C-alpha atoms as a PDB file:
ATOM      1  CA  MET A   1     -88.604 -36.858   2.851  1.00  0.00           C
ATOM      2  CA  GLU A   2     -84.918 -37.333   3.065  1.00  0.00           C
ATOM      3  CA  MET A   3     -82.941 -35.123   0.767  1.00  0.00           C
ATOM      4  CA  SER A   4     -79.540 -36.263  -0.667  1.00  0.00           C
ATOM      5  CA  ILE A   5     -76.796 -34.050  -2.084  1.00  0.00           C
ATOM      6  CA  LYS A   6     -75.423 -36.927  -4.226  1.00  0.00           C
ATOM      7  CA  GLY A   7     -75.501 -35.975  -7.783  1.00  0.00           C
ATOM      8  CA  ALA A   8     -76.425 -32.375  -7.067  1.00  0.00           C
ATOM      9  CA  LEU A   9     -74.004 -30.976  -9.549  1.00  0.00           C
ATOM     10  CA  TYR A  10     -74.694 -33.412 -12.342  1.00  0.00           C
ATOM     11  CA  ASN A  11     -76.830 -30.942 -14.466  1.00  0.00           C
ATOM     12  CA  MET A  12     -74.603 -27.963 -13.654  1.00  0.00           C
ATOM     13  CA  GLY A  13     -72.821 -26.247 -16.518  1.00  0.00           C
ATOM     14  CA  GLY A  14     -69.091 -26.662 -17.073  1.00  0.00           C
ATOM     15  CA  TRP A  15     -68.267 -23.167 -15.997  1.00  0.00           C
ATOM     16  CA  SER A  16     -70.258 -23.398 -12.801  1.00  0.00           C
ATOM     17  CA  GLN A  17     -68.603 -26.932 -11.961  1.00  0.00           C
ATOM     18  CA  LEU A  18     -65.280 -25.414 -12.594  1.00  0.00           C
ATOM     19  CA  PHE A  19     -65.721 -22.502 -10.289  1.00  0.00           C
ATOM     20  CA  PHE A  20     -67.261 -24.904  -7.586  1.00  0.00           C
ATOM     21  CA  PHE A  21     -64.318 -27.207  -7.919  1.00  0.00           C
ATOM     22  CA  PHE A  22     -61.816 -24.450  -7.489  1.00  0.00           C
ATOM     23  CA  PHE A  23     -63.814 -23.338  -4.404  1.00  0.00           C
ATOM     24  CA  LEU A  24     -63.553 -26.883  -2.938  1.00  0.00           C
ATOM     25  CA  THR A  25     -59.795 -26.706  -3.727  1.00  0.00           C
ATOM     26  CA  PHE A  26     -59.322 -23.387  -2.003  1.00  0.00           C
ATOM     27  CA  THR A  27     -61.204 -24.780   1.028  1.00  0.00           C
ATOM     28  CA  GLY A  28     -58.903 -27.679   1.063  1.00  0.00           C
ATOM     29  CA  TYR A  29     -55.891 -25.528   0.952  1.00  0.00           C
ATOM     30  CA  ILE A  30     -57.173 -23.561   3.923  1.00  0.00           C
ATOM     31  CA  LEU A  31     -57.779 -26.847   5.755  1.00  0.00           C
ATOM     32  CA  ALA A  32     -54.301 -28.079   4.996  1.00  0.00           C
ATOM     33  CA  ALA A  33     -52.756 -24.928   6.150  1.00  0.00           C
ATOM     34  CA  LEU A  34     -54.556 -25.029   9.390  1.00  0.00           C
ATOM     35  CA  ILE A  35     -53.713 -28.667  10.140  1.00  0.00           C
ATOM     36  CA  VAL A  36     -49.999 -28.093   9.197  1.00  0.00           C
ATOM     37  CA  ILE A  37     -49.884 -25.045  11.694  1.00  0.00           C
ATOM     38  CA  MET A  38     -51.417 -27.121  14.368  1.00  0.00           C
ATOM     39  CA  CYS A  39     -48.889 -29.935  13.764  1.00  0.00           C
ATOM     40  CA  PHE A  40     -46.072 -27.469  13.951  1.00  0.00           C
ATOM     41  CA  HIS A  41     -47.232 -25.679  17.096  1.00  0.00           C
ATOM     42  CA  ILE A  42     -49.194 -28.394  19.018  1.00  0.00           C
ATOM     43  CA  ILE A  43     -47.677 -31.667  18.103  1.00  0.00           C
ATOM     44  CA  GLY A  44     -44.188 -30.139  17.511  1.00  0.00           C
ATOM     45  CA  ILE A  45     -43.446 -31.386  13.923  1.00  0.00           C
ATOM     46  CA  ASP A  46     -40.396 -29.744  12.604  1.00  0.00           C
ATOM     47  CA  LYS A  47     -38.596 -29.391   9.362  1.00  0.00           C
ATOM     48  CA  SER A  48     -37.068 -32.761   9.771  1.00  0.00           C
ATOM     49  CA  PRO A  49     -37.520 -35.461   7.024  1.00  0.00           C
ATOM     50  CA  MET A  50     -40.563 -36.879   8.915  1.00  0.00           C
ATOM     51  CA  GLY A  51     -41.934 -33.353   9.443  1.00  0.00           C
ATOM     52  CA  ILE A  52     -41.763 -32.628   5.733  1.00  0.00           C
ATOM     53  CA  ARG A  53     -43.295 -36.010   4.885  1.00  0.00           C
ATOM     54  CA  VAL A  54     -46.209 -35.353   7.213  1.00  0.00           C
ATOM     55  CA  THR A  55     -46.798 -31.975   5.650  1.00  0.00           C
ATOM     56  CA  MET A  56     -46.753 -33.534   2.074  1.00  0.00           C
ATOM     57  CA  LEU A  57     -49.285 -36.085   3.235  1.00  0.00           C
ATOM     58  CA  ILE A  58     -51.582 -33.511   4.663  1.00  0.00           C
ATOM     59  CA  GLN A  59     -51.337 -31.421   1.517  1.00  0.00           C
ATOM     60  CA  SER A  60     -52.045 -34.405  -0.784  1.00  0.00           C
ATOM     61  CA  VAL A  61     -55.143 -35.475   1.206  1.00  0.00           C
ATOM     62  CA  CYS A  62     -56.549 -32.049   1.963  1.00  0.00           C
ATOM     63  CA  LEU A  63     -55.692 -30.130  -1.197  1.00  0.00           C
ATOM     64  CA  PHE A  64     -56.218 -32.932  -3.760  1.00  0.00           C
ATOM     65  CA  LEU A  65     -57.968 -35.980  -2.435  1.00  0.00           C
ATOM     66  CA  ILE A  66     -60.751 -34.647  -0.364  1.00  0.00           C
ATOM     67  CA  PRO A  67     -62.022 -31.922  -2.859  1.00  0.00           C
ATOM     68  CA  ALA A  68     -61.923 -34.468  -5.680  1.00  0.00           C
ATOM     69  CA  LEU A  69     -63.713 -37.227  -3.785  1.00  0.00           C
ATOM     70  CA  PHE A  70     -66.410 -34.676  -2.563  1.00  0.00           C
ATOM     71  CA  PHE A  71     -66.822 -33.153  -6.042  1.00  0.00           C
ATOM     72  CA  SER A  72     -67.235 -36.623  -7.622  1.00  0.00           C
ATOM     73  CA  TYR A  73     -69.948 -37.404  -4.990  1.00  0.00           C
ATOM     74  CA  LEU A  74     -71.771 -34.200  -5.942  1.00  0.00           C
ATOM     75  CA  SER A  75     -71.406 -34.682  -9.737  1.00  0.00           C
ATOM     76  CA  GLN A  76     -72.582 -38.177 -10.269  1.00  0.00           C
ATOM     77  CA  GLU A  77     -75.207 -40.474  -8.669  1.00  0.00           C
ATOM     78  CA  LYS A  78     -72.362 -43.083  -8.517  1.00  0.00           C
ATOM     79  CA  GLY A  79     -68.996 -41.244  -7.569  1.00  0.00           C
ATOM     80  CA  LYS A  80     -67.065 -44.336  -8.525  1.00  0.00           C
ATOM     81  CA  LYS A  81     -68.453 -44.045 -12.044  1.00  0.00           C
ATOM     82  CA  TYR A  82     -67.559 -40.382 -12.459  1.00  0.00           C
ATOM     83  CA  LEU A  83     -63.977 -41.069 -11.340  1.00  0.00           C
ATOM     84  CA  SER A  84     -63.850 -44.376 -13.425  1.00  0.00           C
ATOM     85  CA  THR A  85     -62.495 -46.169 -10.276  1.00  0.00           C
ATOM     86  CA  ASP A  86     -65.037 -48.918 -10.890  1.00  0.00           C
ATOM     87  CA  ALA A  87     -63.534 -49.529 -14.434  1.00  0.00           C
ATOM     88  CA  LYS A  88     -61.079 -52.478 -14.560  1.00  0.00           C
ATOM     89  CA  PRO A  89     -58.152 -51.466 -16.736  1.00  0.00           C
ATOM     90  CA  ASN A  90     -57.345 -53.323 -19.902  1.00  0.00           C
ATOM     91  CA  PHE A  91     -54.231 -55.525 -18.841  1.00  0.00           C
ATOM     92  CA  GLN A  92     -52.393 -55.021 -22.002  1.00  0.00           C
ATOM     93  CA  ILE A  93     -52.732 -51.191 -21.846  1.00  0.00           C
ATOM     94  CA  LEU A  94     -51.623 -51.102 -18.272  1.00  0.00           C
ATOM     95  CA  ILE A  95     -48.546 -53.204 -19.026  1.00  0.00           C
ATOM     96  CA  LEU A  96     -47.776 -51.032 -22.100  1.00  0.00           C
ATOM     97  CA  SER A  97     -48.335 -47.884 -20.136  1.00  0.00           C
ATOM     98  CA  ILE A  98     -45.904 -48.918 -17.454  1.00  0.00           C
ATOM     99  CA  ALA A  99     -43.277 -50.015 -20.023  1.00  0.00           C
ATOM    100  CA  LEU A 100     -43.846 -46.594 -21.744  1.00  0.00           C
ATOM    101  CA  ILE A 101     -43.078 -44.550 -18.727  1.00  0.00           C
ATOM    102  CA  PHE A 102     -39.695 -46.399 -18.434  1.00  0.00           C
ATOM    103  CA  THR A 103     -38.968 -46.000 -22.153  1.00  0.00           C
ATOM    104  CA  ILE A 104     -39.671 -42.412 -22.283  1.00  0.00           C
ATOM    105  CA  GLN A 105     -37.410 -41.419 -19.434  1.00  0.00           C
ATOM    106  CA  PRO A 106     -34.467 -40.402 -21.702  1.00  0.00           C
ATOM    107  CA  PHE A 107     -36.754 -38.017 -23.691  1.00  0.00           C
ATOM    108  CA  ILE A 108     -37.956 -36.461 -20.335  1.00  0.00           C
ATOM    109  CA  SER A 109     -34.394 -36.038 -19.199  1.00  0.00           C
ATOM    110  CA  PHE A 110     -33.522 -34.390 -22.472  1.00  0.00           C
ATOM    111  CA  VAL A 111     -36.464 -31.841 -22.176  1.00  0.00           C
ATOM    112  CA  SER A 112     -35.832 -31.368 -18.443  1.00  0.00           C
ATOM    113  CA  TYR A 113     -32.118 -30.485 -19.183  1.00  0.00           C
ATOM    114  CA  TYR A 114     -32.883 -27.953 -21.820  1.00  0.00           C
ATOM    115  CA  ASN A 115     -35.762 -26.500 -19.833  1.00  0.00           C
ATOM    116  CA  GLN A 116     -33.240 -25.923 -16.949  1.00  0.00           C
ATOM    117  CA  GLN A 117     -31.154 -23.709 -19.297  1.00  0.00           C
ATOM    118  CA  LEU A 118     -34.016 -21.178 -19.597  1.00  0.00           C
ATOM    119  CA  VAL A 119     -32.825 -17.499 -19.303  1.00  0.00           C
ATOM    120  CA  LEU A 120     -35.632 -14.924 -19.359  1.00  0.00           C
ATOM    121  CA  PRO A 121     -35.018 -11.419 -20.750  1.00  0.00           C
ATOM    122  CA  GLU A 122     -33.670  -8.648 -18.452  1.00  0.00           C
ATOM    123  CA  SER A 123     -37.068  -7.066 -18.400  1.00  0.00           C
ATOM    124  CA  LEU A 124     -38.445 -10.188 -16.698  1.00  0.00           C
ATOM    125  CA  SER A 125     -35.565 -10.579 -14.194  1.00  0.00           C
ATOM    126  CA  ALA A 126     -37.872 -10.158 -11.265  1.00  0.00           C
ATOM    127  CA  ILE A 127     -39.934 -13.110 -12.434  1.00  0.00           C
ATOM    128  CA  GLU A 128     -36.753 -15.162 -13.163  1.00  0.00           C
ATOM    129  CA  SER A 129     -35.498 -14.437  -9.596  1.00  0.00           C
ATOM    130  CA  TRP A 130     -38.713 -15.562  -8.083  1.00  0.00           C
ATOM    131  CA  MET A 131     -38.751 -18.824 -10.286  1.00  0.00           C
ATOM    132  CA  ARG A 132     -35.203 -19.610  -9.049  1.00  0.00           C
ATOM    133  CA  SER A 133     -36.092 -18.883  -5.416  1.00  0.00           C
ATOM    134  CA  THR A 134     -39.069 -21.459  -5.758  1.00  0.00           C
ATOM    135  CA  GLU A 135     -36.869 -23.974  -7.478  1.00  0.00           C
ATOM    136  CA  GLN A 136     -34.155 -23.591  -4.573  1.00  0.00           C
ATOM    137  CA  SER A 137     -36.893 -24.130  -2.008  1.00  0.00           C
ATOM    138  CA  ALA A 138     -37.965 -27.330  -3.795  1.00  0.00           C
ATOM    139  CA  TYR A 139     -34.281 -28.537  -3.941  1.00  0.00           C
ATOM    140  CA  LYS A 140     -33.862 -27.892  -0.215  1.00  0.00           C
ATOM    141  CA  THR A 141     -37.037 -29.886   0.630  1.00  0.00           C
ATOM    142  CA  PHE A 142     -35.916 -32.812  -1.560  1.00  0.00           C
ATOM    143  CA  ASP A 143     -32.318 -32.522  -0.215  1.00  0.00           C
ATOM    144  CA  THR A 144     -33.667 -32.958   3.241  1.00  0.00           C
ATOM    145  CA  LEU A 145     -35.649 -36.058   2.192  1.00  0.00           C
ATOM    146  CA  PHE A 146     -33.060 -37.731   0.085  1.00  0.00           C
ATOM    147  CA  VAL A 147     -30.078 -37.502   2.343  1.00  0.00           C
ATOM    148  CA  ASP A 148     -31.870 -39.887   4.594  1.00  0.00           C
ATOM    149  CA  LYS A 149     -30.575 -43.224   3.307  1.00  0.00           C
ATOM    150  CA  SER A 150     -32.308 -45.506   5.806  1.00  0.00           C
ATOM    151  CA  ILE A 151     -34.595 -48.224   4.589  1.00  0.00           C
ATOM    152  CA  ALA A 152     -37.476 -46.589   6.716  1.00  0.00           C
ATOM    153  CA  GLY A 153     -36.757 -43.389   4.883  1.00  0.00           C
ATOM    154  CA  LEU A 154     -36.922 -44.956   1.507  1.00  0.00           C
ATOM    155  CA  ILE A 155     -40.212 -46.742   2.438  1.00  0.00           C
ATOM    156  CA  PHE A 156     -41.745 -43.406   3.670  1.00  0.00           C
ATOM    157  CA  ASN A 157     -40.672 -41.584   0.589  1.00  0.00           C
ATOM    158  CA  ILE A 158     -42.181 -44.187  -1.724  1.00  0.00           C
ATOM    159  CA  LEU A 159     -45.499 -44.111   0.387  1.00  0.00           C
ATOM    160  CA  ILE A 160     -45.902 -40.330   0.193  1.00  0.00           C
ATOM    161  CA  ILE A 161     -43.994 -39.053  -2.791  1.00  0.00           C
ATOM    162  CA  ALA A 162     -44.830 -42.023  -5.161  1.00  0.00           C
ATOM    163  CA  ILE A 163     -47.987 -43.770  -3.964  1.00  0.00           C
ATOM    164  CA  MET A 164     -50.054 -41.129  -2.047  1.00  0.00           C
ATOM    165  CA  ALA A 165     -49.181 -38.265  -4.422  1.00  0.00           C
ATOM    166  CA  GLY A 166     -49.868 -40.598  -7.497  1.00  0.00           C
ATOM    167  CA  ILE A 167     -53.400 -41.519  -6.154  1.00  0.00           C
ATOM    168  CA  ALA A 168     -54.317 -38.101  -4.919  1.00  0.00           C
ATOM    169  CA  GLU A 169     -53.135 -35.967  -7.928  1.00  0.00           C
ATOM    170  CA  GLU A 170     -54.532 -38.323 -10.549  1.00  0.00           C
ATOM    171  CA  ILE A 171     -57.953 -38.374  -8.871  1.00  0.00           C
ATOM    172  CA  PHE A 172     -57.858 -34.639  -8.658  1.00  0.00           C
ATOM    173  CA  PHE A 173     -56.358 -33.672 -12.154  1.00  0.00           C
ATOM    174  CA  ARG A 174     -57.457 -36.484 -14.433  1.00  0.00           C
ATOM    175  CA  GLY A 175     -60.281 -37.854 -12.567  1.00  0.00           C
ATOM    176  CA  CYS A 176     -62.067 -34.474 -11.919  1.00  0.00           C
ATOM    177  CA  LEU A 177     -60.333 -31.393 -13.347  1.00  0.00           C
ATOM    178  CA  GLN A 178     -59.819 -32.890 -16.891  1.00  0.00           C
ATOM    179  CA  GLN A 179     -63.470 -33.883 -17.163  1.00  0.00           C
ATOM    180  CA  ILE A 180     -64.767 -30.561 -15.959  1.00  0.00           C
ATOM    181  CA  ILE A 181     -62.509 -28.553 -18.414  1.00  0.00           C
ATOM    182  CA  GLN A 182     -63.630 -31.065 -21.276  1.00  0.00           C
ATOM    183  CA  LYS A 183     -67.194 -30.108 -20.275  1.00  0.00           C
ATOM    184  CA  THR A 184     -66.429 -26.526 -20.265  1.00  0.00           C
ATOM    185  CA  VAL A 185     -64.467 -26.188 -23.411  1.00  0.00           C
ATOM    186  CA  GLY A 186     -65.952 -29.055 -25.365  1.00  0.00           C
ATOM    187  CA  ASN A 187     -62.799 -30.385 -26.670  1.00  0.00           C
ATOM    188  CA  LEU A 188     -60.928 -33.432 -25.422  1.00  0.00           C
ATOM    189  CA  HIS A 189     -57.435 -32.527 -26.528  1.00  0.00           C
ATOM    190  CA  LEU A 190     -57.691 -28.966 -25.314  1.00  0.00           C
ATOM    191  CA  ALA A 191     -58.927 -30.464 -21.985  1.00  0.00           C
ATOM    192  CA  VAL A 192     -55.848 -32.735 -21.731  1.00  0.00           C
ATOM    193  CA  TRP A 193     -53.372 -29.978 -22.376  1.00  0.00           C
ATOM    194  CA  ILE A 194     -54.867 -27.238 -20.205  1.00  0.00           C
ATOM    195  CA  THR A 195     -55.061 -29.811 -17.253  1.00  0.00           C
ATOM    196  CA  ALA A 196     -51.428 -30.758 -17.970  1.00  0.00           C
ATOM    197  CA  ILE A 197     -50.389 -27.074 -17.888  1.00  0.00           C
ATOM    198  CA  ILE A 198     -52.348 -26.552 -14.609  1.00  0.00           C
ATOM    199  CA  PHE A 199     -50.684 -29.793 -13.109  1.00  0.00           C
ATOM    200  CA  SER A 200     -47.247 -28.324 -13.864  1.00  0.00           C
ATOM    201  CA  ILE A 201     -48.016 -24.851 -12.638  1.00  0.00           C
ATOM    202  CA  VAL A 202     -49.125 -26.057  -9.160  1.00  0.00           C
ATOM    203  CA  HIS A 203     -45.964 -27.932  -8.552  1.00  0.00           C
ATOM    204  CA  PHE A 204     -44.122 -24.500  -8.656  1.00  0.00           C
ATOM    205  CA  GLN A 205     -40.951 -26.051 -10.196  1.00  0.00           C
ATOM    206  CA  PHE A 206     -40.693 -23.830 -13.262  1.00  0.00           C
ATOM    207  CA  TYR A 207     -37.345 -25.356 -14.434  1.00  0.00           C
ATOM    208  CA  GLY A 208     -39.089 -28.588 -14.789  1.00  0.00           C
ATOM    209  CA  PHE A 209     -42.264 -27.089 -16.258  1.00  0.00           C
ATOM    210  CA  VAL A 210     -42.166 -28.531 -19.724  1.00  0.00           C
ATOM    211  CA  PRO A 211     -41.391 -32.172 -18.941  1.00  0.00           C
ATOM    212  CA  ARG A 212     -44.150 -32.021 -16.397  1.00  0.00           C
ATOM    213  CA  VAL A 213     -46.534 -30.604 -18.897  1.00  0.00           C
ATOM    214  CA  LEU A 214     -45.647 -33.508 -21.292  1.00  0.00           C
ATOM    215  CA  LEU A 215     -46.007 -36.081 -18.451  1.00  0.00           C
ATOM    216  CA  GLY A 216     -49.373 -34.614 -17.559  1.00  0.00           C
ATOM    217  CA  ALA A 217     -50.522 -34.765 -21.053  1.00  0.00           C
ATOM    218  CA  LEU A 218     -49.465 -38.359 -21.366  1.00  0.00           C
ATOM    219  CA  LEU A 219     -51.317 -39.185 -18.205  1.00  0.00           C
ATOM    220  CA  GLY A 220     -54.452 -37.485 -19.531  1.00  0.00           C
ATOM    221  CA  TYR A 221     -54.336 -39.419 -22.773  1.00  0.00           C
ATOM    222  CA  LEU A 222     -53.782 -42.603 -20.794  1.00  0.00           C
ATOM    223  CA  PHE A 223     -56.926 -41.944 -18.776  1.00  0.00           C
ATOM    224  CA  VAL A 224     -58.864 -41.310 -21.841  1.00  0.00           C
ATOM    225  CA  TRP A 225     -57.485 -44.386 -23.713  1.00  0.00           C
ATOM    226  CA  SER A 226     -57.796 -46.903 -20.863  1.00  0.00           C
ATOM    227  CA  ARG A 227     -61.142 -45.433 -19.758  1.00  0.00           C
ATOM    228  CA  SER A 228     -59.947 -46.132 -16.192  1.00  0.00           C
ATOM    229  CA  ILE A 229     -58.331 -43.785 -13.661  1.00  0.00           C
ATOM    230  CA  TRP A 230     -56.148 -46.688 -12.295  1.00  0.00           C
ATOM    231  CA  VAL A 231     -53.826 -46.638 -15.403  1.00  0.00           C
ATOM    232  CA  PRO A 232     -52.639 -43.008 -14.925  1.00  0.00           C
ATOM    233  CA  ILE A 233     -52.503 -43.637 -11.220  1.00  0.00           C
ATOM    234  CA  VAL A 234     -50.057 -46.621 -11.521  1.00  0.00           C
ATOM    235  CA  VAL A 235     -48.045 -44.829 -14.151  1.00  0.00           C
ATOM    236  CA  HIS A 236     -47.810 -41.816 -11.920  1.00  0.00           C
ATOM    237  CA  ILE A 237     -46.744 -43.972  -9.053  1.00  0.00           C
ATOM    238  CA  VAL A 238     -44.127 -45.717 -11.116  1.00  0.00           C
ATOM    239  CA  ASN A 239     -42.780 -42.449 -12.574  1.00  0.00           C
ATOM    240  CA  ASN A 240     -42.389 -40.875  -9.039  1.00  0.00           C
ATOM    241  CA  GLY A 241     -41.112 -44.252  -7.716  1.00  0.00           C
ATOM    242  CA  ILE A 242     -38.321 -44.244 -10.334  1.00  0.00           C
ATOM    243  CA  GLY A 243     -37.187 -40.787  -9.035  1.00  0.00           C
ATOM    244  CA  VAL A 244     -37.393 -41.855  -5.432  1.00  0.00           C
ATOM    245  CA  ILE A 245     -35.338 -44.891  -5.853  1.00  0.00           C
ATOM    246  CA  SER A 246     -32.759 -43.121  -8.096  1.00  0.00           C
ATOM    247  CA  ALA A 247     -32.362 -40.545  -5.497  1.00  0.00           C
ATOM    248  CA  TYR A 248     -32.028 -43.198  -2.734  1.00  0.00           C
ATOM    249  CA  LEU A 249     -29.258 -45.000  -4.742  1.00  0.00           C
ATOM    250  CA  TYR A 250     -27.456 -42.016  -6.280  1.00  0.00           C
ATOM    251  CA  TYR A 251     -28.409 -38.724  -4.617  1.00  0.00           C
ATOM    252  CA  GLY A 252     -25.377 -36.732  -3.624  1.00  0.00           C
ATOM    253  CA  THR A 253     -23.081 -38.636  -6.092  1.00  0.00           C
ATOM    254  CA  GLU A 254     -21.569 -37.855  -9.511  1.00  0.00           C
ATOM    255  CA  ARG A 255     -23.825 -40.593 -10.877  1.00  0.00           C
ATOM    256  CA  TYR A 256     -26.864 -38.727  -9.909  1.00  0.00           C
ATOM    257  CA  LYS A 257     -25.587 -35.663 -11.668  1.00  0.00           C
ATOM    258  CA  GLU A 258     -24.941 -37.811 -14.805  1.00  0.00           C
ATOM    259  CA  LEU A 259     -28.488 -39.136 -14.618  1.00  0.00           C
ATOM    260  CA  SER A 260     -29.807 -35.533 -14.473  1.00  0.00           C
ATOM    261  CA  ASP A 261     -27.745 -34.001 -17.160  1.00  0.00           C
ATOM    262  CA  PHE A 262     -28.310 -35.007 -20.775  1.00  0.00           C
ATOM    263  CA  ASP A 263     -25.289 -35.187 -23.192  1.00  0.00           C
ATOM    264  CA  LEU A 264     -26.717 -34.666 -26.653  1.00  0.00           C
ATOM    265  CA  GLY A 265     -23.320 -35.899 -28.112  1.00  0.00           C
ATOM    266  CA  LYS A 266     -23.307 -39.176 -26.240  1.00  0.00           C
ATOM    267  CA  ASP A 267     -26.996 -39.853 -25.717  1.00  0.00           C
ATOM    268  CA  VAL A 268     -28.491 -38.864 -29.104  1.00  0.00           C
ATOM    269  CA  TRP A 269     -28.815 -42.374 -30.421  1.00  0.00           C
ATOM    270  CA  LEU A 270     -30.480 -43.550 -27.195  1.00  0.00           C
ATOM    271  CA  LEU A 271     -32.854 -40.561 -27.385  1.00  0.00           C
ATOM    272  CA  LEU A 272     -33.891 -41.358 -31.082  1.00  0.00           C
ATOM    273  CA  PHE A 273     -34.244 -45.142 -30.230  1.00  0.00           C
ATOM    274  CA  THR A 274     -36.414 -44.576 -27.131  1.00  0.00           C
ATOM    275  CA  LEU A 275     -38.474 -41.911 -28.946  1.00  0.00           C
ATOM    276  CA  ILE A 276     -39.347 -44.241 -31.749  1.00  0.00           C
ATOM    277  CA  LEU A 277     -39.975 -47.048 -29.232  1.00  0.00           C
ATOM    278  CA  SER A 278     -42.331 -44.723 -27.183  1.00  0.00           C
ATOM    279  CA  GLY A 279     -44.093 -43.613 -30.345  1.00  0.00           C
ATOM    280  CA  LEU A 280     -44.898 -47.338 -31.305  1.00  0.00           C
ATOM    281  CA  MET A 281     -46.057 -47.978 -27.717  1.00  0.00           C
ATOM    282  CA  ILE A 282     -48.392 -44.993 -27.834  1.00  0.00           C
ATOM    283  CA  ASN A 283     -49.782 -45.995 -31.174  1.00  0.00           C
ATOM    284  CA  LEU A 284     -50.311 -49.584 -29.862  1.00  0.00           C
ATOM    285  CA  ILE A 285     -52.136 -48.171 -26.724  1.00  0.00           C
ATOM    286  CA  PHE A 286     -54.271 -45.970 -28.983  1.00  0.00           C
ATOM    287  CA  LYS A 287     -55.130 -48.863 -31.328  1.00  0.00           C
ATOM    288  CA  LYS A 288     -56.223 -50.994 -28.382  1.00  0.00           C
ATOM    289  CA  TYR A 289     -58.378 -48.132 -27.247  1.00  0.00           C
ATOM    290  CA  ARG A 290     -60.007 -47.861 -30.659  1.00  0.00           C
ATOM    291  CA  LYS A 291     -60.518 -51.607 -30.726  1.00  0.00           C
ATOM    292  CA  SER A 292     -62.221 -51.527 -27.357  1.00  0.00           C
ATOM    293  CA  ILE A 293     -64.573 -48.759 -28.543  1.00  0.00           C
ATOM    294  CA  GLU A 294     -65.505 -50.515 -31.628  1.00  0.00           C
ATOM    295  CA  SER A 295     -66.319 -53.741 -29.755  1.00  0.00           C
ATOM    296  CA  THR A 296     -68.827 -51.890 -27.470  1.00  0.00           C
ATOM    297  CA  TYR A 297     -70.914 -51.041 -30.562  1.00  0.00           C
END
């Protein structure tokens, strides 16, 4: 009699699923590290822009995508159903969600600017030094990628930073982790926000921590309201794509600094307008979600 492991975790409790998922993630981390080491020593990949892109691709696939896909296979008889990849997104919700990520950018810039002004107490100076060193390391990585102004460099950055990261991270965080945490704590909103916090922590960019938490929460609610993983995937890709294209056009110029800095005196009306518009869009998306729920009964 043939034995299948498909759906083996379906009846497992939330905490057990969470532990097993983190075990898969740790295994993926080890696999990614081994492959990166082999690429450096055998193939000869260096810290050039292409070397960094290959490293990021390996990390996305091994650390996020493979563990999530394997977990979904073990957790549901139909893995596609668990991840909601078989659910066609409501077209209106999808378009509104894409418009929303553009509209909310001034607010994200506002939060990001003030997050960067964070200064910890003297007693936590060691932690602050570590946070700044990780931030500088991230800046050096992006500096290497974005000084490449070739069309090929832009295409590779879009493929890896926007598309691949958007797919892998959403399947991992919203498709799996958020559902596991919801099963564990029994509260949808708590699951969305805990997942968003973890999503921000693993990026190790603490001076962008708060805006990334807010973005993660928005993606989490879009997953719930659309009932399809494709909506947060597309929105994540668009958000990262905005950053990649902005960097391609303006990185290293005064204009890029202007886009990064938020002037409360000059931009307050733009902030208020886009906040109101974003709120209206979120309310409309939620109403369409409620309507779709009611129509199923």
